[in-house]
Amino acid sequence: LRSLRYARGGGKKGGGLALIVAIGLALLVLGFVGM
């Protein structure tokens, strides 16, 4: 999630960026809930 500040929208049209955000949130929430 922190790496997204360096991301550029470009030709991804937001789709790839949304995928990365979703994966990052899933890892963050499930990892800390499990811990």
All heavy atoms as atom14 arrays in JSON, in Angstrom:
{
  "sequence": "LRSLRYARGGGKKGGGLALIVAIGLALLVLGFVGM",
  "atom14_mask": [
    [1, 1, 1, 1, 1, 1, 1, 1, 0, 0, 0, 0, 0, 0],
    [1, 1, 1, 1, 1, 1, 1, 1, 1, 1, 1, 0, 0, 0],
    [1, 1, 1, 1, 1, 1, 0, 0, 0, 0, 0, 0, 0, 0],
    [1, 1, 1, 1, 1, 1, 1, 1, 0, 0, 0, 0, 0, 0],
    [1, 1, 1, 1, 1, 1, 1, 1, 1, 1, 1, 0, 0, 0],
    [1, 1, 1, 1, 1, 1, 1, 1, 1, 1, 1, 1, 0, 0],
    [1, 1, 1, 1, 1, 0, 0, 0, 0, 0, 0, 0, 0, 0],
    [1, 1, 1, 1, 1, 1, 1, 1, 1, 1, 1, 0, 0, 0],
    [1, 1, 1, 1, 0, 0, 0, 0, 0, 0, 0, 0, 0, 0],
    [1, 1, 1, 1, 0, 0, 0, 0, 0, 0, 0, 0, 0, 0],
    [1, 1, 1, 1, 0, 0, 0, 0, 0, 0, 0, 0, 0, 0],
    [1, 1, 1, 1, 1, 1, 1, 1, 1, 0, 0, 0, 0, 0],
    [1, 1, 1, 1, 1, 1, 1, 1, 1, 0, 0, 0, 0, 0],
    [1, 1, 1, 1, 0, 0, 0, 0, 0, 0, 0, 0, 0, 0],
    [1, 1, 1, 1, 0, 0, 0, 0, 0, 0, 0, 0, 0, 0],
    [1, 1, 1, 1, 0, 0, 0, 0, 0, 0, 0, 0, 0, 0],
    [1, 1, 1, 1, 1, 1, 1, 1, 0, 0, 0, 0, 0, 0],
    [1, 1, 1, 1, 1, 0, 0, 0, 0, 0, 0, 0, 0, 0],
    [1, 1, 1, 1, 1, 1, 1, 1, 0, 0, 0, 0, 0, 0],
    [1, 1, 1, 1, 1, 1, 1, 1, 0, 0, 0, 0, 0, 0],
    [1, 1, 1, 1, 1, 1, 1, 0, 0, 0, 0, 0, 0, 0],
    [1, 1, 1, 1, 1, 0, 0, 0, 0, 0, 0, 0, 0, 0],
    [1, 1, 1, 1, 1, 1, 1, 1, 0, 0, 0, 0, 0, 0],
    [1, 1, 1, 1, 0, 0, 0, 0, 0, 0, 0, 0, 0, 0],
    [1, 1, 1, 1, 1, 1, 1, 1, 0, 0, 0, 0, 0, 0],
    [1, 1, 1, 1, 1, 0, 0, 0, 0, 0, 0, 0, 0, 0],
    [1, 1, 1, 1, 1, 1, 1, 1, 0, 0, 0, 0, 0, 0],
    [1, 1, 1, 1, 1, 1, 1, 1, 0, 0, 0, 0, 0, 0],
    [1, 1, 1, 1, 1, 1, 1, 0, 0, 0, 0, 0, 0, 0],
    [1, 1, 1, 1, 1, 1, 1, 1, 0, 0, 0, 0, 0, 0],
    [1, 1, 1, 1, 0, 0, 0, 0, 0, 0, 0, 0, 0, 0],
    [1, 1, 1, 1, 1, 1, 1, 1, 1, 1, 1, 0, 0, 0],
    [1, 1, 1, 1, 1, 1, 1, 0, 0, 0, 0, 0, 0, 0],
    [1, 1, 1, 1, 0, 0, 0, 0, 0, 0, 0, 0, 0, 0],
    [1, 1, 1, 1, 1, 1, 1, 1, 0, 0, 0, 0, 0, 0]
  ],
  "atom14_positions": [
    [[0.82, -1.22, 0.0], [0.0, 0.0, 0.0], [0.85, 1.26, 0.0], [0.53, 2.25, -0.67], [-0.93, -0.01, 1.22], [-2.03, -1.09, 1.21], [-2.82, -1.06, 2.5], [-2.96, -0.92, 0.02], [0.0, 0.0, 0.0], [0.0, 0.0, 0.0], [0.0, 0.0, 0.0], [0.0, 0.0, 0.0], [0.0, 0.0, 0.0], [0.0, 0.0, 0.0]],
    [[1.96, 1.24, 0.74], [2.83, 2.42, 0.77], [3.52, 2.64, -0.56], [3.84, 3.77, -0.93], [3.87, 2.26, 1.88], [3.3, 2.42, 3.28], [4.36, 2.17, 4.33], [3.82, 2.32, 5.68], [4.49, 2.06, 6.78], [5.74, 1.62, 6.7], [3.91, 2.23, 7.96], [0.0, 0.0, 0.0], [0.0, 0.0, 0.0], [0.0, 0.0, 0.0]],
    [[3.75, 1.56, -1.3], [4.43, 1.69, -2.58], [3.56, 2.39, -3.62], [4.07, 2.86, -4.64], [4.86, 0.32, -3.1], [3.74, -0.46, -3.43], [0.0, 0.0, 0.0], [0.0, 0.0, 0.0], [0.0, 0.0, 0.0], [0.0, 0.0, 0.0], [0.0, 0.0, 0.0], [0.0, 0.0, 0.0], [0.0, 0.0, 0.0], [0.0, 0.0, 0.0]],
    [[2.25, 2.46, -3.37], [1.35, 3.06, -4.34], [1.59, 4.56, -4.51], [1.2, 5.14, -5.52], [-0.11, 2.81, -3.93], [-0.56, 1.35, -3.93], [-2.0, 1.24, -3.49], [-0.38, 0.74, -5.32], [0.0, 0.0, 0.0], [0.0, 0.0, 0.0], [0.0, 0.0, 0.0], [0.0, 0.0, 0.0], [0.0, 0.0, 0.0], [0.0, 0.0, 0.0]],
    [[2.21, 5.18, -3.51], [2.47, 6.62, -3.63], [3.45, 6.9, -4.77], [3.52, 8.02, -5.26], [3.03, 7.16, -2.32], [4.44, 6.71, -2.0], [4.94, 7.26, -0.66], [4.17, 6.72, 0.44], [4.44, 7.0, 1.72], [5.41, 7.85, 2.02], [3.72, 6.45, 2.67], [0.0, 0.0, 0.0], [0.0, 0.0, 0.0], [0.0, 0.0, 0.0]],
    [[4.22, 5.89, -5.15], [5.18, 6.07, -6.23], [4.61, 5.58, -7.56], [5.28, 5.64, -8.59], [6.47, 5.3, -5.93], [7.08, 5.69, -4.61], [7.02, 4.82, -3.53], [7.7, 6.93, -4.44], [7.56, 5.17, -2.29], [8.25, 7.29, -3.21], [8.18, 6.4, -2.15], [8.72, 6.76, -0.94], [0.0, 0.0, 0.0], [0.0, 0.0, 0.0]],
    [[3.36, 5.05, -7.54], [2.79, 4.49, -8.77], [2.25, 5.62, -9.64], [1.89, 6.69, -9.18], [1.67, 3.51, -8.43], [0.0, 0.0, 0.0], [0.0, 0.0, 0.0], [0.0, 0.0, 0.0], [0.0, 0.0, 0.0], [0.0, 0.0, 0.0], [0.0, 0.0, 0.0], [0.0, 0.0, 0.0], [0.0, 0.0, 0.0], [0.0, 0.0, 0.0]],
    [[2.19, 5.37, -10.93], [1.64, 6.32, -11.9], [0.49, 5.62, -12.63], [0.61, 4.45, -13.0], [2.7, 6.78, -12.9], [3.85, 7.53, -12.25], [3.37, 8.89, -11.72], [4.47, 9.66, -11.17], [4.81, 9.63, -9.9], [4.17, 8.83, -9.05], [5.82, 10.38, -9.46], [0.0, 0.0, 0.0], [0.0, 0.0, 0.0], [0.0, 0.0, 0.0]],
    [[-0.61, 6.34, -12.83], [-1.77, 5.72, -13.47], [-1.47, 5.22, -14.87], [-1.7, 4.09, -15.21], [0.0, 0.0, 0.0], [0.0, 0.0, 0.0], [0.0, 0.0, 0.0], [0.0, 0.0, 0.0], [0.0, 0.0, 0.0], [0.0, 0.0, 0.0], [0.0, 0.0, 0.0], [0.0, 0.0, 0.0], [0.0, 0.0, 0.0], [0.0, 0.0, 0.0]],
    [[-0.94, 6.08, -15.73], [-0.5, 5.71, -17.08], [-1.57, 4.98, -17.85], [-2.72, 5.31, -17.87], [0.0, 0.0, 0.0], [0.0, 0.0, 0.0], [0.0, 0.0, 0.0], [0.0, 0.0, 0.0], [0.0, 0.0, 0.0], [0.0, 0.0, 0.0], [0.0, 0.0, 0.0], [0.0, 0.0, 0.0], [0.0, 0.0, 0.0], [0.0, 0.0, 0.0]],
    [[-1.11, 3.92, -18.54], [-2.02, 3.17, -19.4], [-2.79, 2.11, -18.68], [-3.54, 1.36, -19.28], [0.0, 0.0, 0.0], [0.0, 0.0, 0.0], [0.0, 0.0, 0.0], [0.0, 0.0, 0.0], [0.0, 0.0, 0.0], [0.0, 0.0, 0.0], [0.0, 0.0, 0.0], [0.0, 0.0, 0.0], [0.0, 0.0, 0.0], [0.0, 0.0, 0.0]],
    [[-2.61, 2.0, -17.35], [-3.32, 0.95, -16.64], [-4.8, 1.28, -16.46], [-5.6, 0.42, -16.13], [-2.68, 0.71, -15.27], [-1.3, 0.12, -15.37], [-0.78, -0.28, -14.0], [0.57, -0.95, -14.1], [1.07, -1.4, -12.8], [0.0, 0.0, 0.0], [0.0, 0.0, 0.0], [0.0, 0.0, 0.0], [0.0, 0.0, 0.0], [0.0, 0.0, 0.0]],
    [[-5.14, 2.59, -16.65], [-6.52, 3.03, -16.55], [-7.14, 2.67, -15.2], [-8.33, 2.43, -15.09], [-7.36, 2.44, -17.69], [-6.87, 2.87, -19.06], [-7.71, 2.25, -20.15], [-7.19, 2.66, -21.52], [-7.98, 2.05, -22.61], [0.0, 0.0, 0.0], [0.0, 0.0, 0.0], [0.0, 0.0, 0.0], [0.0, 0.0, 0.0], [0.0, 0.0, 0.0]],
    [[-6.32, 2.58, -14.18], [-6.83, 2.34, -12.84], [-7.09, 0.89, -12.51], [-7.23, 0.54, -11.35], [0.0, 0.0, 0.0], [0.0, 0.0, 0.0], [0.0, 0.0, 0.0], [0.0, 0.0, 0.0], [0.0, 0.0, 0.0], [0.0, 0.0, 0.0], [0.0, 0.0, 0.0], [0.0, 0.0, 0.0], [0.0, 0.0, 0.0], [0.0, 0.0, 0.0]],
    [[-7.2, 0.01, -13.52], [-7.52, -1.39, -13.24], [-6.42, -2.1, -12.48], [-6.67, -2.75, -11.47], [0.0, 0.0, 0.0], [0.0, 0.0, 0.0], [0.0, 0.0, 0.0], [0.0, 0.0, 0.0], [0.0, 0.0, 0.0], [0.0, 0.0, 0.0], [0.0, 0.0, 0.0], [0.0, 0.0, 0.0], [0.0, 0.0, 0.0], [0.0, 0.0, 0.0]],
    [[-5.19, -2.0, -12.96], [-4.07, -2.65, -12.29], [-3.83, -2.07, -10.92], [-3.51, -2.8, -9.98], [0.0, 0.0, 0.0], [0.0, 0.0, 0.0], [0.0, 0.0, 0.0], [0.0, 0.0, 0.0], [0.0, 0.0, 0.0], [0.0, 0.0, 0.0], [0.0, 0.0, 0.0], [0.0, 0.0, 0.0], [0.0, 0.0, 0.0], [0.0, 0.0, 0.0]],
    [[-4.01, -0.76, -10.8], [-3.8, -0.11, -9.5], [-4.84, -0.58, -8.49], [-4.52, -0.83, -7.32], [-3.89, 1.41, -9.67], [-3.39, 2.26, -8.48], [-1.93, 1.98, -8.21], [-3.61, 3.73, -8.78], [0.0, 0.0, 0.0], [0.0, 0.0, 0.0], [0.0, 0.0, 0.0], [0.0, 0.0, 0.0], [0.0, 0.0, 0.0], [0.0, 0.0, 0.0]],
    [[-6.09, -0.73, -8.92], [-7.14, -1.22, -8.02], [-6.84, -2.65, -7.56], [-7.1, -3.03, -6.41], [-8.49, -1.16, -8.72], [0.0, 0.0, 0.0], [0.0, 0.0, 0.0], [0.0, 0.0, 0.0], [0.0, 0.0, 0.0], [0.0, 0.0, 0.0], [0.0, 0.0, 0.0], [0.0, 0.0, 0.0], [0.0, 0.0, 0.0], [0.0, 0.0, 0.0]],
    [[-6.29, -3.46, -8.47], [-5.92, -4.83, -8.12], [-4.86, -4.84, -7.03], [-4.94, -5.6, -6.06], [-5.42, -5.56, -9.37], [-4.86, -6.97, -9.16], [-5.96, -7.89, -8.65], [-4.27, -7.5, -10.46], [0.0, 0.0, 0.0], [0.0, 0.0, 0.0], [0.0, 0.0, 0.0], [0.0, 0.0, 0.0], [0.0, 0.0, 0.0], [0.0, 0.0, 0.0]],
    [[-3.85, -3.99, -7.18], [-2.77, -3.92, -6.19], [-3.31, -3.46, -4.84], [-2.95, -3.99, -3.78], [-1.66, -2.98, -6.68], [-1.01, -3.56, -7.94], [-0.61, -2.77, -5.6], [0.0, -2.63, -8.6], [0.0, 0.0, 0.0], [0.0, 0.0, 0.0], [0.0, 0.0, 0.0], [0.0, 0.0, 0.0], [0.0, 0.0, 0.0], [0.0, 0.0, 0.0]],
    [[-4.2, -2.44, -4.84], [-4.79, -1.95, -3.6], [-5.57, -3.06, -2.9], [-5.47, -3.25, -1.68], [-5.71, -0.75, -3.88], [-6.51, -0.39, -2.63], [-4.9, 0.45, -4.33], [0.0, 0.0, 0.0], [0.0, 0.0, 0.0], [0.0, 0.0, 0.0], [0.0, 0.0, 0.0], [0.0, 0.0, 0.0], [0.0, 0.0, 0.0], [0.0, 0.0, 0.0]],
    [[-6.35, -3.82, -3.66], [-7.16, -4.89, -3.08], [-6.28, -5.96, -2.45], [-6.55, -6.45, -1.35], [-8.06, -5.5, -4.15], [0.0, 0.0, 0.0], [0.0, 0.0, 0.0], [0.0, 0.0, 0.0], [0.0, 0.0, 0.0], [0.0, 0.0, 0.0], [0.0, 0.0, 0.0], [0.0, 0.0, 0.0], [0.0, 0.0, 0.0], [0.0, 0.0, 0.0]],
    [[-5.22, -6.35, -3.15], [-4.31, -7.37, -2.61], [-3.61, -6.85, -1.36], [-3.49, -7.56, -0.35], [-3.29, -7.79, -3.68], [-3.99, -8.53, -4.82], [-2.2, -8.66, -3.07], [-3.08, -8.89, -5.97], [0.0, 0.0, 0.0], [0.0, 0.0, 0.0], [0.0, 0.0, 0.0], [0.0, 0.0, 0.0], [0.0, 0.0, 0.0], [0.0, 0.0, 0.0]],
    [[-3.16, -5.6, -1.41], [-2.49, -5.02, -0.24], [-3.41, -4.97, 0.97], [-2.99, -5.31, 2.09], [0.0, 0.0, 0.0], [0.0, 0.0, 0.0], [0.0, 0.0, 0.0], [0.0, 0.0, 0.0], [0.0, 0.0, 0.0], [0.0, 0.0, 0.0], [0.0, 0.0, 0.0], [0.0, 0.0, 0.0], [0.0, 0.0, 0.0], [0.0, 0.0, 0.0]],
    [[-4.65, -4.55, 0.76], [-5.6, -4.5, 1.88], [-5.9, -5.89, 2.43], [-6.02, -6.08, 3.65], [-6.9, -3.83, 1.42], [-6.86, -2.32, 1.26], [-8.17, -1.81, 0.66], [-6.62, -1.63, 2.61], [0.0, 0.0, 0.0], [0.0, 0.0, 0.0], [0.0, 0.0, 0.0], [0.0, 0.0, 0.0], [0.0, 0.0, 0.0], [0.0, 0.0, 0.0]],
    [[-6.02, -6.88, 1.53], [-6.29, -8.25, 1.98], [-5.15, -8.76, 2.85], [-5.37, -9.35, 3.92], [-6.49, -9.17, 0.78], [0.0, 0.0, 0.0], [0.0, 0.0, 0.0], [0.0, 0.0, 0.0], [0.0, 0.0, 0.0], [0.0, 0.0, 0.0], [0.0, 0.0, 0.0], [0.0, 0.0, 0.0], [0.0, 0.0, 0.0], [0.0, 0.0, 0.0]],
    [[-3.91, -8.55, 2.41], [-2.76, -8.99, 3.19], [-2.7, -8.26, 4.53], [-2.44, -8.87, 5.58], [-1.47, -8.76, 2.4], [-1.26, -9.61, 1.15], [-0.02, -9.14, 0.4], [-1.14, -11.08, 1.5], [0.0, 0.0, 0.0], [0.0, 0.0, 0.0], [0.0, 0.0, 0.0], [0.0, 0.0, 0.0], [0.0, 0.0, 0.0], [0.0, 0.0, 0.0]],
    [[-2.95, -6.96, 4.5], [-2.86, -6.15, 5.72], [-3.9, -6.6, 6.75], [-3.57, -6.86, 7.91], [-3.06, -4.67, 5.37], [-3.03, -3.68, 6.54], [-1.65, -3.62, 7.15], [-3.46, -2.29, 6.06], [0.0, 0.0, 0.0], [0.0, 0.0, 0.0], [0.0, 0.0, 0.0], [0.0, 0.0, 0.0], [0.0, 0.0, 0.0], [0.0, 0.0, 0.0]],
    [[-5.16, -6.69, 6.33], [-6.23, -7.0, 7.27], [-6.12, -8.42, 7.8], [-6.12, -8.66, 9.01], [-7.61, -6.79, 6.6], [-8.73, -7.28, 7.5], [-7.81, -5.31, 6.27], [0.0, 0.0, 0.0], [0.0, 0.0, 0.0], [0.0, 0.0, 0.0], [0.0, 0.0, 0.0], [0.0, 0.0, 0.0], [0.0, 0.0, 0.0], [0.0, 0.0, 0.0]],
    [[-5.98, -9.4, 6.9], [-5.94, -10.79, 7.34], [-4.67, -11.1, 8.14], [-4.7, -11.87, 9.1], [-6.05, -11.73, 6.14], [-7.43, -11.77, 5.48], [-7.41, -12.62, 4.22], [-8.47, -12.31, 6.45], [0.0, 0.0, 0.0], [0.0, 0.0, 0.0], [0.0, 0.0, 0.0], [0.0, 0.0, 0.0], [0.0, 0.0, 0.0], [0.0, 0.0, 0.0]],
    [[-3.56, -10.5, 7.73], [-2.32, -10.72, 8.47], [-2.41, -10.24, 9.9], [-2.06, -10.96, 10.84], [0.0, 0.0, 0.0], [0.0, 0.0, 0.0], [0.0, 0.0, 0.0], [0.0, 0.0, 0.0], [0.0, 0.0, 0.0], [0.0, 0.0, 0.0], [0.0, 0.0, 0.0], [0.0, 0.0, 0.0], [0.0, 0.0, 0.0], [0.0, 0.0, 0.0]],
    [[-2.89, -9.02, 10.11], [-2.95, -8.47, 11.46], [-4.1, -9.06, 12.28], [-3.98, -9.21, 13.49], [-3.04, -6.95, 11.41], [-1.73, -6.3, 11.11], [-1.53, -5.62, 9.92], [-0.66, -6.4, 11.98], [-0.3, -5.02, 9.62], [0.56, -5.81, 11.71], [0.74, -5.12, 10.53], [0.0, 0.0, 0.0], [0.0, 0.0, 0.0], [0.0, 0.0, 0.0]],
    [[-5.22, -9.41, 11.64], [-6.29, -10.09, 12.37], [-5.81, -11.46, 12.83], [-6.03, -11.86, 13.99], [-7.55, -10.22, 11.48], [-8.55, -11.18, 12.13], [-8.2, -8.87, 11.29], [0.0, 0.0, 0.0], [0.0, 0.0, 0.0], [0.0, 0.0, 0.0], [0.0, 0.0, 0.0], [0.0, 0.0, 0.0], [0.0, 0.0, 0.0], [0.0, 0.0, 0.0]],
    [[-5.13, -12.19, 11.95], [-4.59, -13.49, 12.34], [-3.57, -13.37, 13.46], [-3.56, -14.17, 14.4], [0.0, 0.0, 0.0], [0.0, 0.0, 0.0], [0.0, 0.0, 0.0], [0.0, 0.0, 0.0], [0.0, 0.0, 0.0], [0.0, 0.0, 0.0], [0.0, 0.0, 0.0], [0.0, 0.0, 0.0], [0.0, 0.0, 0.0], [0.0, 0.0, 0.0]],
    [[-2.72, -12.35, 13.38], [-1.72, -12.14, 14.43], [-2.38, -11.8, 15.75], [-1.93, -12.23, 16.82], [-0.75, -11.05, 14.01], [0.44, -10.89, 14.95], [1.44, -9.45, 14.52], [0.31, -8.12, 14.88], [0.0, 0.0, 0.0], [0.0, 0.0, 0.0], [0.0, 0.0, 0.0], [0.0, 0.0, 0.0], [0.0, 0.0, 0.0], [0.0, 0.0, 0.0]]
  ]
}
